[in-house]
Amino acid sequence: MVEIPFPLKRERYLDLGQEAMNSGKIQQASDYFKEAYACQKDFPLNFLLVSTLLELKKCDEALAVAEEFLPDYEKHLDFLGLYLQCLLETENFRRPSNSQPKTIKHLRHSAKKNYGL
């Protein structure tokens, strides 16, 4: 069966996700954000989805989603904190692996380059 595209489907999922978040229904918000993300990925939605996943303690999933837009997280100091929270929650600072090429040294270099730190 072929799915018929529904106009503004992504926007509707975003609206429903925001409503759920405002009502404190984080799981429901996360589900709606995932649906919107499946329609079209962008950094603002990535940030919302990662935030809800972390709140639900789905830290590995949050890190995987965040890494899809890692350059965007590195460019904005406010957003970098969320990415660092993902790393801390998954203990990736203590257990580096080949699948985790971003290191503390890389993040330090990025911070110096982007923020003059």
N, C-alpha and C. Protein backbone atom coordinates (compact mmCIF):
# COMPACT_ATOMS: atom_id res chain seq x y z
N MET A 1 0.84 -1.18 0.00
CA MET A 1 0.00 0.00 0.00
C MET A 1 0.89 1.25 0.00
N VAL A 2 0.57 2.19 -0.83
CA VAL A 2 1.33 3.43 -0.94
C VAL A 2 0.73 4.47 0.00
N GLU A 3 1.62 5.11 0.77
CA GLU A 3 1.15 6.16 1.68
C GLU A 3 0.92 7.44 0.89
N ILE A 4 -0.24 8.02 1.08
CA ILE A 4 -0.56 9.27 0.41
C ILE A 4 -0.01 10.41 1.26
N PRO A 5 0.85 11.26 0.66
CA PRO A 5 1.41 12.36 1.45
C PRO A 5 0.34 13.32 1.93
N PHE A 6 0.41 13.67 3.17
CA PHE A 6 -0.55 14.58 3.78
C PHE A 6 0.11 15.95 3.89
N PRO A 7 -0.53 16.98 3.36
CA PRO A 7 0.09 18.31 3.42
C PRO A 7 0.31 18.77 4.87
N LEU A 8 1.45 19.36 5.10
CA LEU A 8 1.82 19.91 6.41
C LEU A 8 1.87 18.85 7.52
N LYS A 9 2.12 17.60 7.14
CA LYS A 9 2.18 16.51 8.10
C LYS A 9 3.25 16.77 9.17
N ARG A 10 4.43 17.19 8.71
CA ARG A 10 5.53 17.45 9.64
C ARG A 10 5.15 18.56 10.63
N GLU A 11 4.56 19.61 10.12
CA GLU A 11 4.18 20.74 10.98
C GLU A 11 3.14 20.32 12.01
N ARG A 12 2.23 19.43 11.59
CA ARG A 12 1.20 18.95 12.53
C ARG A 12 1.85 18.14 13.66
N TYR A 13 2.81 17.28 13.31
CA TYR A 13 3.52 16.52 14.33
C TYR A 13 4.28 17.46 15.28
N LEU A 14 4.88 18.50 14.73
CA LEU A 14 5.58 19.47 15.57
C LEU A 14 4.62 20.16 16.54
N ASP A 15 3.47 20.58 16.02
CA ASP A 15 2.46 21.23 16.88
C ASP A 15 1.99 20.29 17.99
N LEU A 16 1.71 19.04 17.62
CA LEU A 16 1.26 18.06 18.61
C LEU A 16 2.35 17.80 19.65
N GLY A 17 3.60 17.74 19.19
CA GLY A 17 4.73 17.54 20.10
C GLY A 17 4.87 18.69 21.08
N GLN A 18 4.73 19.91 20.59
CA GLN A 18 4.82 21.08 21.46
C GLN A 18 3.68 21.10 22.48
N GLU A 19 2.48 20.76 22.02
CA GLU A 19 1.33 20.71 22.95
C GLU A 19 1.57 19.67 24.03
N ALA A 20 2.06 18.50 23.64
CA ALA A 20 2.32 17.43 24.60
C ALA A 20 3.40 17.87 25.60
N MET A 21 4.44 18.53 25.09
CA MET A 21 5.51 19.00 25.96
C MET A 21 4.98 20.02 26.96
N ASN A 22 4.16 20.94 26.49
CA ASN A 22 3.59 21.96 27.37
C ASN A 22 2.68 21.36 28.43
N SER A 23 2.12 20.18 28.13
CA SER A 23 1.25 19.49 29.09
C SER A 23 2.03 18.53 29.98
N GLY A 24 3.35 18.48 29.80
CA GLY A 24 4.17 17.60 30.61
C GLY A 24 4.17 16.16 30.16
N LYS A 25 3.66 15.90 28.97
CA LYS A 25 3.62 14.53 28.42
C LYS A 25 4.84 14.32 27.53
N ILE A 26 5.97 14.09 28.18
CA ILE A 26 7.26 14.05 27.49
C ILE A 26 7.35 12.85 26.55
N GLN A 27 6.87 11.69 26.95
CA GLN A 27 6.92 10.52 26.06
C GLN A 27 6.12 10.77 24.79
N GLN A 28 4.94 11.32 24.95
CA GLN A 28 4.09 11.62 23.80
C GLN A 28 4.76 12.69 22.92
N ALA A 29 5.35 13.70 23.52
CA ALA A 29 6.05 14.73 22.76
C ALA A 29 7.19 14.13 21.96
N SER A 30 7.95 13.26 22.60
CA SER A 30 9.07 12.61 21.93
C SER A 30 8.59 11.79 20.74
N ASP A 31 7.48 11.08 20.90
CA ASP A 31 6.93 10.28 19.80
C ASP A 31 6.53 11.16 18.62
N TYR A 32 5.89 12.28 18.90
CA TYR A 32 5.51 13.20 17.83
C TYR A 32 6.74 13.82 17.17
N PHE A 33 7.73 14.17 17.96
CA PHE A 33 8.95 14.75 17.38
C PHE A 33 9.67 13.73 16.50
N LYS A 34 9.64 12.46 16.89
CA LYS A 34 10.24 11.41 16.06
C LYS A 34 9.52 11.32 14.72
N GLU A 35 8.20 11.41 14.75
CA GLU A 35 7.43 11.36 13.50
C GLU A 35 7.78 12.54 12.61
N ALA A 36 7.88 13.72 13.18
CA ALA A 36 8.24 14.91 12.42
C ALA A 36 9.66 14.78 11.87
N TYR A 37 10.55 14.23 12.68
CA TYR A 37 11.95 14.05 12.28
C TYR A 37 12.07 13.07 11.12
N ALA A 38 11.19 12.07 11.11
CA ALA A 38 11.19 11.11 10.00
C ALA A 38 10.76 11.78 8.69
N CYS A 39 9.95 12.81 8.78
CA CYS A 39 9.50 13.55 7.59
C CYS A 39 10.62 14.41 7.03
N GLN A 40 11.31 15.11 7.92
CA GLN A 40 12.40 16.00 7.51
C GLN A 40 13.26 16.33 8.72
N LYS A 41 14.55 16.13 8.56
CA LYS A 41 15.48 16.39 9.65
C LYS A 41 16.04 17.80 9.54
N ASP A 42 16.11 18.49 10.68
CA ASP A 42 16.80 19.77 10.77
C ASP A 42 17.28 19.95 12.20
N PHE A 43 18.16 20.92 12.39
CA PHE A 43 18.78 21.08 13.71
C PHE A 43 17.80 21.48 14.81
N PRO A 44 16.90 22.44 14.60
CA PRO A 44 15.98 22.79 15.69
C PRO A 44 15.14 21.60 16.17
N LEU A 45 14.68 20.78 15.24
CA LEU A 45 13.89 19.60 15.62
C LEU A 45 14.79 18.57 16.29
N ASN A 46 16.02 18.43 15.80
CA ASN A 46 16.98 17.52 16.42
C ASN A 46 17.17 17.89 17.89
N PHE A 47 17.32 19.19 18.15
CA PHE A 47 17.51 19.67 19.52
C PHE A 47 16.31 19.32 20.40
N LEU A 48 15.10 19.53 19.89
CA LEU A 48 13.89 19.19 20.65
C LEU A 48 13.83 17.69 20.94
N LEU A 49 14.10 16.89 19.91
CA LEU A 49 14.04 15.44 20.08
C LEU A 49 15.08 14.96 21.08
N VAL A 50 16.30 15.44 20.96
CA VAL A 50 17.36 15.04 21.89
C VAL A 50 16.99 15.45 23.32
N SER A 51 16.43 16.63 23.48
CA SER A 51 16.03 17.10 24.82
C SER A 51 15.00 16.16 25.44
N THR A 52 14.00 15.75 24.66
CA THR A 52 12.97 14.86 25.21
C THR A 52 13.55 13.48 25.49
N LEU A 53 14.42 13.00 24.62
CA LEU A 53 15.02 11.68 24.84
C LEU A 53 15.85 11.66 26.12
N LEU A 54 16.60 12.73 26.35
CA LEU A 54 17.39 12.80 27.59
C LEU A 54 16.48 12.83 28.82
N GLU A 55 15.40 13.58 28.72
CA GLU A 55 14.47 13.65 29.85
C GLU A 55 13.86 12.28 30.15
N LEU A 56 13.69 11.47 29.11
CA LEU A 56 13.13 10.13 29.27
C LEU A 56 14.21 9.10 29.62
N LYS A 57 15.45 9.57 29.79
CA LYS A 57 16.59 8.71 30.13
C LYS A 57 16.92 7.73 29.01
N LYS A 58 16.62 8.11 27.77
CA LYS A 58 16.99 7.32 26.60
C LYS A 58 18.28 7.92 26.04
N CYS A 59 19.32 7.82 26.84
CA CYS A 59 20.56 8.56 26.60
C CYS A 59 21.31 8.08 25.36
N ASP A 60 21.38 6.77 25.13
CA ASP A 60 22.08 6.27 23.95
C ASP A 60 21.39 6.73 22.68
N GLU A 61 20.08 6.69 22.67
CA GLU A 61 19.32 7.16 21.51
C GLU A 61 19.50 8.66 21.33
N ALA A 62 19.50 9.40 22.43
CA ALA A 62 19.69 10.86 22.36
C ALA A 62 21.05 11.19 21.75
N LEU A 63 22.09 10.47 22.17
CA LEU A 63 23.43 10.72 21.64
C LEU A 63 23.48 10.41 20.15
N ALA A 64 22.90 9.30 19.75
CA ALA A 64 22.90 8.94 18.33
C ALA A 64 22.20 10.00 17.48
N VAL A 65 21.08 10.50 17.96
CA VAL A 65 20.35 11.54 17.22
C VAL A 65 21.16 12.84 17.20
N ALA A 66 21.73 13.21 18.33
CA ALA A 66 22.51 14.46 18.41
C ALA A 66 23.69 14.43 17.44
N GLU A 67 24.32 13.28 17.31
CA GLU A 67 25.50 13.20 16.45
C GLU A 67 25.18 13.41 14.98
N GLU A 68 23.92 13.31 14.60
CA GLU A 68 23.53 13.59 13.22
C GLU A 68 23.74 15.07 12.88
N PHE A 69 23.76 15.93 13.89
CA PHE A 69 23.95 17.37 13.69
C PHE A 69 25.07 17.91 14.58
N LEU A 70 26.09 17.08 14.80
CA LEU A 70 27.19 17.47 15.70
C LEU A 70 27.83 18.81 15.32
N PRO A 71 28.09 19.09 14.04
CA PRO A 71 28.68 20.40 13.72
C PRO A 71 27.82 21.58 14.19
N ASP A 72 26.51 21.41 14.17
CA ASP A 72 25.63 22.48 14.65
C ASP A 72 25.73 22.65 16.16
N TYR A 73 25.84 21.54 16.88
CA TYR A 73 26.00 21.63 18.34
C TYR A 73 27.33 22.30 18.68
N GLU A 74 28.37 22.03 17.92
CA GLU A 74 29.69 22.59 18.19
C GLU A 74 29.75 24.09 17.91
N LYS A 75 28.90 24.59 17.04
CA LYS A 75 28.93 26.00 16.66
C LYS A 75 28.27 26.91 17.68
N HIS A 76 27.42 26.37 18.52
CA HIS A 76 26.64 27.18 19.46
C HIS A 76 26.91 26.71 20.88
N LEU A 77 27.49 27.56 21.68
CA LEU A 77 27.85 27.20 23.04
C LEU A 77 26.64 26.74 23.85
N ASP A 78 25.48 27.40 23.66
CA ASP A 78 24.28 27.00 24.38
C ASP A 78 23.86 25.57 24.02
N PHE A 79 24.03 25.22 22.76
CA PHE A 79 23.61 23.89 22.30
C PHE A 79 24.65 22.82 22.62
N LEU A 80 25.91 23.23 22.68
CA LEU A 80 26.98 22.28 22.98
C LEU A 80 26.76 21.61 24.33
N GLY A 81 26.18 22.35 25.26
CA GLY A 81 25.89 21.79 26.59
C GLY A 81 24.99 20.57 26.52
N LEU A 82 24.02 20.57 25.61
CA LEU A 82 23.12 19.42 25.49
C LEU A 82 23.89 18.21 24.96
N TYR A 83 24.76 18.44 23.98
CA TYR A 83 25.57 17.35 23.45
C TYR A 83 26.49 16.79 24.53
N LEU A 84 27.10 17.68 25.31
CA LEU A 84 27.98 17.23 26.39
C LEU A 84 27.19 16.44 27.43
N GLN A 85 25.95 16.83 27.67
CA GLN A 85 25.11 16.07 28.59
C GLN A 85 24.88 14.66 28.06
N CYS A 86 24.68 14.53 26.75
CA CYS A 86 24.52 13.20 26.14
C CYS A 86 25.77 12.35 26.39
N LEU A 87 26.94 12.97 26.18
CA LEU A 87 28.19 12.24 26.40
C LEU A 87 28.34 11.81 27.85
N LEU A 88 28.02 12.72 28.76
CA LEU A 88 28.14 12.39 30.18
C LEU A 88 27.16 11.30 30.60
N GLU A 89 25.93 11.40 30.14
CA GLU A 89 24.91 10.42 30.52
C GLU A 89 25.23 9.02 29.99
N THR A 90 25.90 8.97 28.83
CA THR A 90 26.25 7.67 28.26
C THR A 90 27.67 7.24 28.64
N GLU A 91 28.32 8.08 29.46
CA GLU A 91 29.68 7.82 29.94
C GLU A 91 30.68 7.71 28.81
N ASN A 92 30.46 8.41 27.72
CA ASN A 92 31.38 8.35 26.59
C ASN A 92 32.67 9.11 26.84
N PHE A 93 32.74 9.93 27.88
CA PHE A 93 34.00 10.57 28.21
C PHE A 93 34.95 9.56 28.83
N ARG A 94 34.40 8.54 29.47
CA ARG A 94 35.24 7.57 30.17
C ARG A 94 35.52 6.33 29.34
N ARG A 95 34.67 6.04 28.37
CA ARG A 95 34.84 4.83 27.58
C ARG A 95 34.91 5.17 26.10
N PRO A 96 36.03 5.71 25.62
CA PRO A 96 36.11 6.01 24.19
C PRO A 96 36.11 4.73 23.37
N SER A 97 35.53 4.80 22.20
CA SER A 97 35.49 3.64 21.31
C SER A 97 35.72 4.11 19.89
N ASN A 98 35.95 3.17 19.01
CA ASN A 98 36.16 3.50 17.60
C ASN A 98 34.91 4.11 16.98
N SER A 99 33.75 3.76 17.48
CA SER A 99 32.51 4.31 16.93
C SER A 99 32.23 5.72 17.44
N GLN A 100 33.07 6.19 18.36
CA GLN A 100 32.91 7.53 18.96
C GLN A 100 34.16 8.34 18.65
N PRO A 101 34.28 8.84 17.39
CA PRO A 101 35.52 9.51 17.01
C PRO A 101 35.72 10.88 17.64
N LYS A 102 34.66 11.50 18.13
CA LYS A 102 34.80 12.82 18.73
C LYS A 102 35.36 12.68 20.13
N THR A 103 36.47 13.33 20.38
CA THR A 103 37.12 13.22 21.68
C THR A 103 37.05 14.54 22.41
N ILE A 104 37.45 14.51 23.65
CA ILE A 104 37.50 15.74 24.44
C ILE A 104 38.46 16.72 23.77
N LYS A 105 39.57 16.20 23.23
CA LYS A 105 40.54 17.07 22.55
C LYS A 105 39.88 17.76 21.36
N HIS A 106 39.09 17.03 20.59
CA HIS A 106 38.38 17.62 19.45
C HIS A 106 37.40 18.69 19.91
N LEU A 107 36.65 18.41 20.96
CA LEU A 107 35.70 19.38 21.48
C LEU A 107 36.40 20.62 22.02
N ARG A 108 37.55 20.43 22.66
CA ARG A 108 38.32 21.57 23.16
C ARG A 108 38.79 22.43 22.00
N HIS A 109 39.28 21.79 20.94
CA HIS A 109 39.71 22.53 19.74
C HIS A 109 38.54 23.28 19.13
N SER A 110 37.39 22.64 19.05
CA SER A 110 36.20 23.27 18.50
C SER A 110 35.79 24.47 19.34
N ALA A 111 35.86 24.35 20.66
CA ALA A 111 35.49 25.45 21.55
C ALA A 111 36.43 26.63 21.36
N LYS A 112 37.72 26.35 21.22
CA LYS A 112 38.69 27.43 21.00
C LYS A 112 38.42 28.12 19.67
N LYS A 113 38.17 27.33 18.66
CA LYS A 113 37.94 27.87 17.32
C LYS A 113 36.66 28.71 17.26
N ASN A 114 35.59 28.18 17.81
CA ASN A 114 34.28 28.83 17.68
C ASN A 114 34.00 29.89 18.74
N TYR A 115 34.61 29.76 19.91
CA TYR A 115 34.25 30.65 21.02
C TYR A 115 35.44 31.39 21.62
N GLY A 116 36.63 31.10 21.13
CA GLY A 116 37.82 31.77 21.67
C GLY A 116 38.14 31.35 23.08
N LEU A 117 37.71 30.16 23.47
CA LEU A 117 37.97 29.67 24.85
C LEU A 117 39.33 29.02 24.96
